[in-house]
């Protein structure tokens, strides 16, 4: 349906006569009549009855009017969804049950007036390409993978270091331990089906395994979190990794165990990545919210790959003209967000 003709019809109704509608649309009265005639032909009905006193809506015109208004409203919403500065802030969180999704929820609590469009992109390359093209405004990723560098015009800053736990069943040799060192896992098998080669999380676990002499077993298939919990619960040799605050729920009979890792504590380094010339007014607010809550990586006691970005560009100014303002309730700090595993069996989008 020709939306220009629909807009002309609605304008004519609101104006009360074609001549005034023509003035409002900056066209001639003849053009108004022609557009409406085309619309009537398209619909197969007469929308106006022409009289010496002007044009009046027919019964069909009255029936069509609310839908015509809805069409124009839908057109405006569609345009606003992609119009810079008016559309929702689009952020990739890899997986909706991951800790970075929690960071974004905290931001939304602090800035409840900010529209968000939460998306999940599988791999690093797709996410960076989407940032560069403007398809998304930001992504949470580990920066950077071995042998890769961020493209020109793309920036990143660390926002959350996520500690790991060893996750075992009751018969595992470390099930009764209050904490263990990663070195104690040397020679042990860590089962992570779906730890996809070529992803940033696979690169992280590959270096973790090489550093501490453990084995990451990615043999699948990956049936999701519930089958993983069932298998771990019944095994005396299999274990996997979950983050410190993973809100997992399992049957009482599984008696699963979470053992903190210390000396050092492996942490997964989440960063926010964005394009430097992105004009979206909410992006600066998101960056400030995250960087102001990030305490910074500890100089000792933690481990992360040598290729992971370690420096932050620092907090950005709190607000800029036209930028959304936070609500009066302070946001939960990023480092205390209720986090979900950055990897369920090595696959962050699987949870």
Protein backbone atom coordinates (compact mmCIF):
# COMPACT_ATOMS: atom_id res chain seq x y z
CA UNK A 1 0.00 0.00 0.00
CA UNK A 2 1.27 3.47 -0.90
CA UNK A 3 1.94 5.14 2.46
CA UNK A 4 2.19 8.55 0.80
CA UNK A 5 -1.40 8.14 -0.34
CA UNK A 6 -2.41 6.90 3.12
CA UNK A 7 -0.79 9.96 4.72
CA UNK A 8 -2.60 12.20 2.25
CA UNK A 9 -5.91 10.54 3.16
CA UNK A 10 -5.35 11.03 6.90
CA UNK A 11 -4.22 14.62 6.39
CA UNK A 12 -7.35 15.36 4.35
CA UNK A 13 -9.55 13.90 7.08
CA UNK A 14 -7.82 15.93 9.78
CA UNK A 15 -7.85 19.12 7.70
CA UNK A 16 -11.50 18.79 6.77
CA UNK A 17 -11.00 19.74 3.12
CA UNK A 18 -8.62 18.91 0.28
CA UNK A 19 -7.43 22.49 -0.15
CA UNK A 20 -6.22 22.79 3.45
CA UNK A 21 -4.70 19.31 3.25
CA UNK A 22 -2.81 20.40 0.13
CA UNK A 23 -1.40 23.39 2.00
CA UNK A 24 -0.32 21.18 4.89
CA UNK A 25 1.41 18.77 2.51
CA UNK A 26 2.86 21.54 0.28
CA UNK A 27 1.20 20.11 -2.82
CA UNK A 28 -1.72 21.18 -5.00
CA UNK A 29 -5.38 20.26 -4.30
CA UNK A 30 -5.34 18.33 -7.59
CA UNK A 31 -2.42 16.23 -6.28
CA UNK A 32 -4.39 15.47 -3.13
CA UNK A 33 -7.37 14.33 -5.20
CA UNK A 34 -5.13 12.20 -7.42
CA UNK A 35 -3.41 10.46 -4.50
CA UNK A 36 -6.71 9.66 -2.84
CA UNK A 37 -8.16 8.41 -6.12
CA UNK A 38 -5.18 6.05 -6.49
CA UNK A 39 -5.73 4.80 -2.92
CA UNK A 40 -9.45 4.27 -3.56
CA UNK A 41 -8.65 2.30 -6.72
CA UNK A 42 -6.12 0.19 -4.80
CA UNK A 43 -8.66 -0.56 -2.05
CA UNK A 44 -11.61 -0.96 -4.40
CA UNK A 45 -13.84 1.33 -2.34
CA UNK A 46 -14.77 5.00 -2.20
CA UNK A 47 -13.29 6.74 0.84
CA UNK A 48 -14.86 10.16 0.33
CA UNK A 49 -18.17 11.28 -1.08
CA UNK A 50 -17.72 14.47 -3.08
CA UNK A 51 -20.40 17.15 -2.71
CA UNK A 52 -20.70 20.83 -3.53
CA UNK A 53 -19.68 21.57 0.02
CA UNK A 54 -16.57 19.42 -0.15
CA UNK A 55 -15.68 15.81 0.62
CA UNK A 56 -17.04 13.70 3.46
CA UNK A 57 -15.94 10.28 4.66
CA UNK A 58 -17.99 7.35 3.46
CA UNK A 59 -18.72 4.40 5.73
CA UNK A 60 -15.73 2.64 4.14
CA UNK A 61 -13.59 5.72 4.77
CA UNK A 62 -14.63 5.74 8.43
CA UNK A 63 -13.78 2.04 8.71
CA UNK A 64 -10.39 2.54 7.04
CA UNK A 65 -9.35 5.63 9.05
CA UNK A 66 -8.12 3.95 12.31
CA UNK A 67 -6.10 1.44 10.32
CA UNK A 68 -4.64 4.20 8.19
CA UNK A 69 -3.47 5.99 11.34
CA UNK A 70 -2.00 2.72 12.64
CA UNK A 71 -0.11 2.25 9.37
CA UNK A 72 1.47 5.68 9.70
CA UNK A 73 2.36 5.04 13.34
CA UNK A 74 3.94 1.72 12.39
CA UNK A 75 5.93 3.48 9.67
CA UNK A 76 7.25 5.99 12.22
CA UNK A 77 8.18 3.26 14.69
CA UNK A 78 9.93 1.30 11.94
CA UNK A 79 11.96 4.35 10.93
CA UNK A 80 12.76 5.21 14.55
CA UNK A 81 14.04 1.67 15.17
CA UNK A 82 16.99 2.32 12.87
CA UNK A 83 17.34 6.10 13.07
CA UNK A 84 20.59 7.12 14.83
CA UNK A 85 19.89 8.79 18.14
CA UNK A 86 16.31 7.53 18.29
CA UNK A 87 16.48 3.79 18.00
CA UNK A 88 17.20 1.51 20.95
CA UNK A 89 20.82 0.97 21.99
CA UNK A 90 21.80 -2.40 20.51
CA UNK A 91 24.23 -4.45 22.61
CA UNK A 92 25.50 -7.98 22.02
CA UNK A 93 25.76 -10.06 25.21
CA UNK A 94 26.81 -13.37 23.56
CA UNK A 95 24.23 -15.24 25.69
CA UNK A 96 21.24 -13.90 27.61
CA UNK A 97 22.08 -15.93 30.74
CA UNK A 98 25.68 -14.79 30.95
CA UNK A 99 27.20 -12.38 33.45
CA UNK A 100 27.48 -9.62 30.85
CA UNK A 101 23.72 -9.77 30.37
CA UNK A 102 23.53 -9.06 34.09
CA UNK A 103 25.77 -6.03 33.63
CA UNK A 104 23.37 -4.75 30.99
CA UNK A 105 20.39 -5.34 33.29
CA UNK A 106 22.10 -3.28 35.97
CA UNK A 107 22.62 -0.47 33.46
CA UNK A 108 18.94 -0.56 32.56
CA UNK A 109 17.99 -0.31 36.23
CA UNK A 110 20.21 2.74 36.56
CA UNK A 111 18.93 4.27 33.29
CA UNK A 112 15.33 2.98 33.07
CA UNK A 113 14.45 5.49 30.35
CA UNK A 114 17.00 4.04 27.93
CA UNK A 115 15.61 1.70 25.28
CA UNK A 116 17.75 -1.41 24.86
CA UNK A 117 17.83 -4.00 22.11
CA UNK A 118 19.68 -7.03 23.47
CA UNK A 119 21.14 -9.32 20.79
CA UNK A 120 23.27 -12.47 20.84
CA UNK A 121 25.97 -12.99 18.22
CA UNK A 122 27.92 -16.22 18.28
CA UNK A 123 31.50 -15.40 17.41
CA UNK A 124 34.03 -12.59 17.75
CA UNK A 125 34.33 -11.88 14.03
CA UNK A 126 30.58 -11.48 13.58
CA UNK A 127 30.39 -9.18 16.61
CA UNK A 128 33.26 -6.95 15.48
CA UNK A 129 31.85 -6.76 11.96
CA UNK A 130 28.47 -5.73 13.38
CA UNK A 131 30.11 -3.01 15.49
CA UNK A 132 32.06 -1.70 12.48
CA UNK A 133 28.97 -1.59 10.27
CA UNK A 134 26.81 0.02 12.95
CA UNK A 135 24.43 -2.94 13.07
CA UNK A 136 25.06 -3.05 16.81
CA UNK A 137 26.40 -0.32 19.08
CA UNK A 138 28.55 -2.43 21.39
CA UNK A 139 29.51 -5.98 22.28
CA UNK A 140 30.94 -7.74 25.32
CA UNK A 141 33.98 -9.83 24.34
CA UNK A 142 37.36 -11.01 25.52
CA UNK A 143 39.95 -8.71 23.89
CA UNK A 144 41.86 -9.76 21.98
CA UNK A 145 42.33 -13.27 20.71
CA UNK A 146 45.86 -14.48 19.88
CA UNK A 147 47.20 -12.91 16.70
CA UNK A 148 44.29 -10.50 16.33
CA UNK A 149 43.98 -6.78 16.89
CA UNK A 150 41.00 -4.50 16.99
CA UNK A 151 40.37 -2.71 13.68
CA UNK A 152 41.02 1.02 13.39
CA UNK A 153 38.20 3.07 14.85
CA UNK A 154 37.18 0.34 17.31
CA UNK A 155 37.88 0.74 21.02
CA UNK A 156 37.55 -1.52 24.02
CA UNK A 157 37.74 -1.23 27.77
CA UNK A 158 37.71 -3.96 30.47
CA UNK A 159 34.49 -4.05 32.46
CA UNK A 160 34.37 -7.34 34.38
CA UNK A 161 36.82 -10.09 35.40
CA UNK A 162 34.85 -13.25 36.05
CA UNK A 163 36.39 -15.81 38.46
CA UNK A 164 36.19 -19.53 37.71
CA UNK A 165 35.12 -22.44 39.89
CA UNK A 166 35.73 -26.12 39.34
CA UNK A 167 32.39 -27.94 39.11
CA UNK A 168 32.29 -31.63 40.12
CA UNK A 169 30.10 -34.46 41.24
CA UNK A 170 30.29 -35.92 44.79
CA UNK A 171 32.63 -38.78 43.79
CA UNK A 172 35.30 -36.58 42.20
CA UNK A 173 38.70 -36.48 43.88
CA UNK A 174 38.37 -32.74 44.61
CA UNK A 175 34.72 -32.84 45.69
CA UNK A 176 35.55 -32.29 49.39
CA UNK A 177 38.12 -29.54 48.78
CA UNK A 178 37.33 -26.04 50.03
CA UNK A 179 39.57 -24.56 47.34
CA UNK A 180 42.25 -25.78 44.97
CA UNK A 181 45.03 -24.23 42.90
CA UNK A 182 44.87 -24.55 39.11
CA UNK A 183 48.18 -26.40 39.23
CA UNK A 184 46.43 -29.22 41.08
CA UNK A 185 44.42 -29.86 37.91
CA UNK A 186 47.53 -30.81 35.94
CA UNK A 187 46.83 -33.99 33.99
CA UNK A 188 43.11 -33.84 34.79
CA UNK A 189 40.32 -33.83 32.24
CA UNK A 190 37.96 -30.84 32.13
CA UNK A 191 34.91 -31.64 30.05
CA UNK A 192 33.55 -28.74 28.00
CA UNK A 193 31.49 -30.01 25.04
CA UNK A 194 30.86 -27.22 22.57
CA UNK A 195 34.13 -25.40 23.29
CA UNK A 196 34.20 -24.28 19.66
CA UNK A 197 37.65 -23.83 18.09
CA UNK A 198 38.28 -20.34 16.78
CA UNK A 199 36.17 -18.56 19.39
CA UNK A 200 37.62 -16.21 21.99
CA UNK A 201 36.47 -18.46 24.84
CA UNK A 202 38.16 -21.50 23.27
CA UNK A 203 41.35 -19.43 23.00
CA UNK A 204 41.02 -18.56 26.68
CA UNK A 205 40.64 -22.18 27.79
CA UNK A 206 43.38 -23.37 25.46
CA UNK A 207 45.85 -21.03 27.15
CA UNK A 208 44.52 -21.93 30.59
CA UNK A 209 45.12 -25.60 29.80
CA UNK A 210 48.61 -24.94 28.43
CA UNK A 211 49.58 -22.84 31.44
CA UNK A 212 48.49 -25.28 34.11
CA UNK A 213 48.88 -28.61 32.31
CA UNK A 214 45.24 -29.67 32.33
CA UNK A 215 43.23 -31.07 29.41
CA UNK A 216 40.15 -29.37 27.94
CA UNK A 217 37.96 -32.07 26.42
CA UNK A 218 35.54 -30.56 23.89
CA UNK A 219 34.14 -33.85 22.66
CA UNK A 220 30.37 -33.55 22.31
CA UNK A 221 27.68 -33.49 21.39
CA UNK A 222 26.62 -30.49 23.44
CA UNK A 223 23.09 -31.20 24.69
CA UNK A 224 22.91 -28.16 26.99
CA UNK A 225 23.28 -27.52 30.68
CA UNK A 226 20.91 -30.15 32.14
CA UNK A 227 22.57 -33.17 30.45
CA UNK A 228 25.96 -31.71 31.41
CA UNK A 229 24.93 -31.57 35.08
CA UNK A 230 23.62 -35.14 34.91
CA UNK A 231 26.90 -36.43 33.49
CA UNK A 232 29.11 -34.51 35.93
CA UNK A 233 27.01 -35.70 38.88
CA UNK A 234 27.49 -39.37 37.95
CA UNK A 235 31.22 -39.19 37.17
CA UNK A 236 34.23 -39.59 39.46
CA UNK A 237 36.65 -38.23 36.85
CA UNK A 238 34.83 -35.54 34.86
CA UNK A 239 34.70 -31.91 35.94
CA UNK A 240 33.95 -28.63 34.20
CA UNK A 241 34.34 -24.91 34.84
CA UNK A 242 31.63 -22.45 35.84
CA UNK A 243 31.86 -18.87 37.03
CA UNK A 244 31.82 -17.91 40.68
CA UNK A 245 28.23 -16.68 40.69
CA UNK A 246 26.59 -19.11 38.29
CA UNK A 247 22.96 -19.52 39.46
CA UNK A 248 22.67 -23.19 38.56
CA UNK A 249 19.85 -25.35 39.93
CA UNK A 250 20.02 -29.15 39.97
CA UNK A 251 18.17 -32.08 41.60
CA UNK A 252 19.06 -32.57 45.26
CA UNK A 253 20.32 -36.10 44.54
CA UNK A 254 23.06 -34.77 42.26
CA UNK A 255 25.00 -33.29 45.20
CA UNK A 256 27.15 -31.24 42.84
CA UNK A 257 30.10 -29.23 44.17
CA UNK A 258 31.61 -25.85 43.29
CA UNK A 259 35.24 -25.49 44.28
CA UNK A 260 36.87 -22.03 44.11
CA UNK A 261 40.18 -21.77 42.28
CA UNK A 262 42.94 -19.79 44.02
CA UNK A 263 46.69 -19.20 43.81
CA UNK A 264 46.03 -17.84 41.24
CA UNK A 265 42.33 -17.34 40.49
CA UNK A 266 41.62 -17.66 36.74
CA UNK A 267 39.35 -14.82 35.62
CA UNK A 268 37.65 -14.41 32.27
CA UNK A 269 38.29 -10.87 30.99
CA UNK A 270 35.10 -9.30 29.62
CA UNK A 271 35.50 -6.00 27.77
CA UNK A 272 33.03 -3.63 26.16
CA UNK A 273 33.81 -2.92 22.49
CA UNK A 274 32.37 -0.03 20.46
CA UNK A 275 33.07 2.15 17.42
CA UNK A 276 34.66 5.46 18.38
CA UNK A 277 32.47 7.56 16.07
CA UNK A 278 29.19 5.94 17.15
CA UNK A 279 26.82 8.85 17.86
CA UNK A 280 24.20 6.99 19.92
CA UNK A 281 23.57 9.15 23.02
CA UNK A 282 23.12 6.16 25.35
CA UNK A 283 26.46 4.57 24.47
CA UNK A 284 28.49 7.05 26.54
CA UNK A 285 26.20 6.44 29.51
CA UNK A 286 26.72 2.67 29.19
CA UNK A 287 30.50 3.04 29.04
CA UNK A 288 30.56 5.34 32.06
CA UNK A 289 28.28 3.04 34.04
CA UNK A 290 30.50 0.02 33.40
CA UNK A 291 33.92 1.62 33.78
CA UNK A 292 33.00 3.51 36.95
CA UNK A 293 31.94 0.24 38.58
CA UNK A 294 34.99 -1.73 37.41
CA UNK A 295 37.59 -1.84 40.18
CA UNK A 296 40.38 -2.81 37.80
CA UNK A 297 42.30 -6.04 37.55
CA UNK A 298 44.35 -7.03 40.56
CA UNK A 299 48.13 -6.91 40.11
CA UNK A 300 48.50 -10.31 41.73
CA UNK A 301 46.41 -13.32 42.69
CA UNK A 302 44.60 -13.69 39.37
CA UNK A 303 45.38 -15.26 36.01
CA UNK A 304 44.21 -14.32 32.55
CA UNK A 305 45.82 -14.91 29.14
CA UNK A 306 48.71 -12.67 28.19
CA UNK A 307 46.85 -11.61 25.05
CA UNK A 308 43.88 -10.25 27.01
CA UNK A 309 43.61 -6.47 27.15
CA UNK A 310 44.72 -5.23 30.55
CA UNK A 311 44.31 -1.49 30.44
CA UNK A 312 41.17 0.60 30.55
CA UNK A 313 40.59 3.87 28.78
CA UNK A 314 39.08 5.10 32.04
CA UNK A 315 35.61 6.37 32.92
CA UNK A 316 34.02 8.67 30.41
CA UNK A 317 32.28 11.87 31.46
CA UNK A 318 29.10 11.14 33.37
CA UNK A 319 26.78 12.77 30.86
CA UNK A 320 26.84 14.73 27.67
CA UNK A 321 24.08 16.92 26.15
CA UNK A 322 21.16 14.77 25.07
CA UNK A 323 22.45 11.72 26.93
CA UNK A 324 20.07 9.72 29.15
CA UNK A 325 20.30 10.46 32.87
CA UNK A 326 20.54 7.71 35.49
CA UNK A 327 17.79 7.13 38.00
CA UNK A 328 18.39 8.14 41.60
CA UNK A 329 18.94 4.56 42.76
CA UNK A 330 22.60 3.64 42.46
CA UNK A 331 23.43 0.76 40.18
CA UNK A 332 24.88 -2.52 41.35
CA UNK A 333 28.66 -2.48 40.78
CA UNK A 334 29.79 -4.51 37.84
CA UNK A 335 32.09 -6.63 39.97
CA UNK A 336 29.22 -7.80 42.18
CA UNK A 337 26.71 -8.58 39.46
CA UNK A 338 24.98 -11.93 39.83
CA UNK A 339 26.84 -13.61 37.04
CA UNK A 340 26.06 -16.65 34.98
CA UNK A 341 28.76 -18.86 33.48
CA UNK A 342 30.67 -17.33 30.62
CA UNK A 343 30.90 -20.89 29.45
CA UNK A 344 28.46 -23.73 29.78
CA UNK A 345 30.60 -26.55 28.56
CA UNK A 346 32.80 -23.97 26.92
CA UNK A 347 30.04 -22.41 24.85
CA UNK A 348 28.85 -19.05 26.18
CA UNK A 349 25.81 -18.81 23.92
CA UNK A 350 24.57 -22.24 24.93
CA UNK A 351 23.24 -21.16 28.32
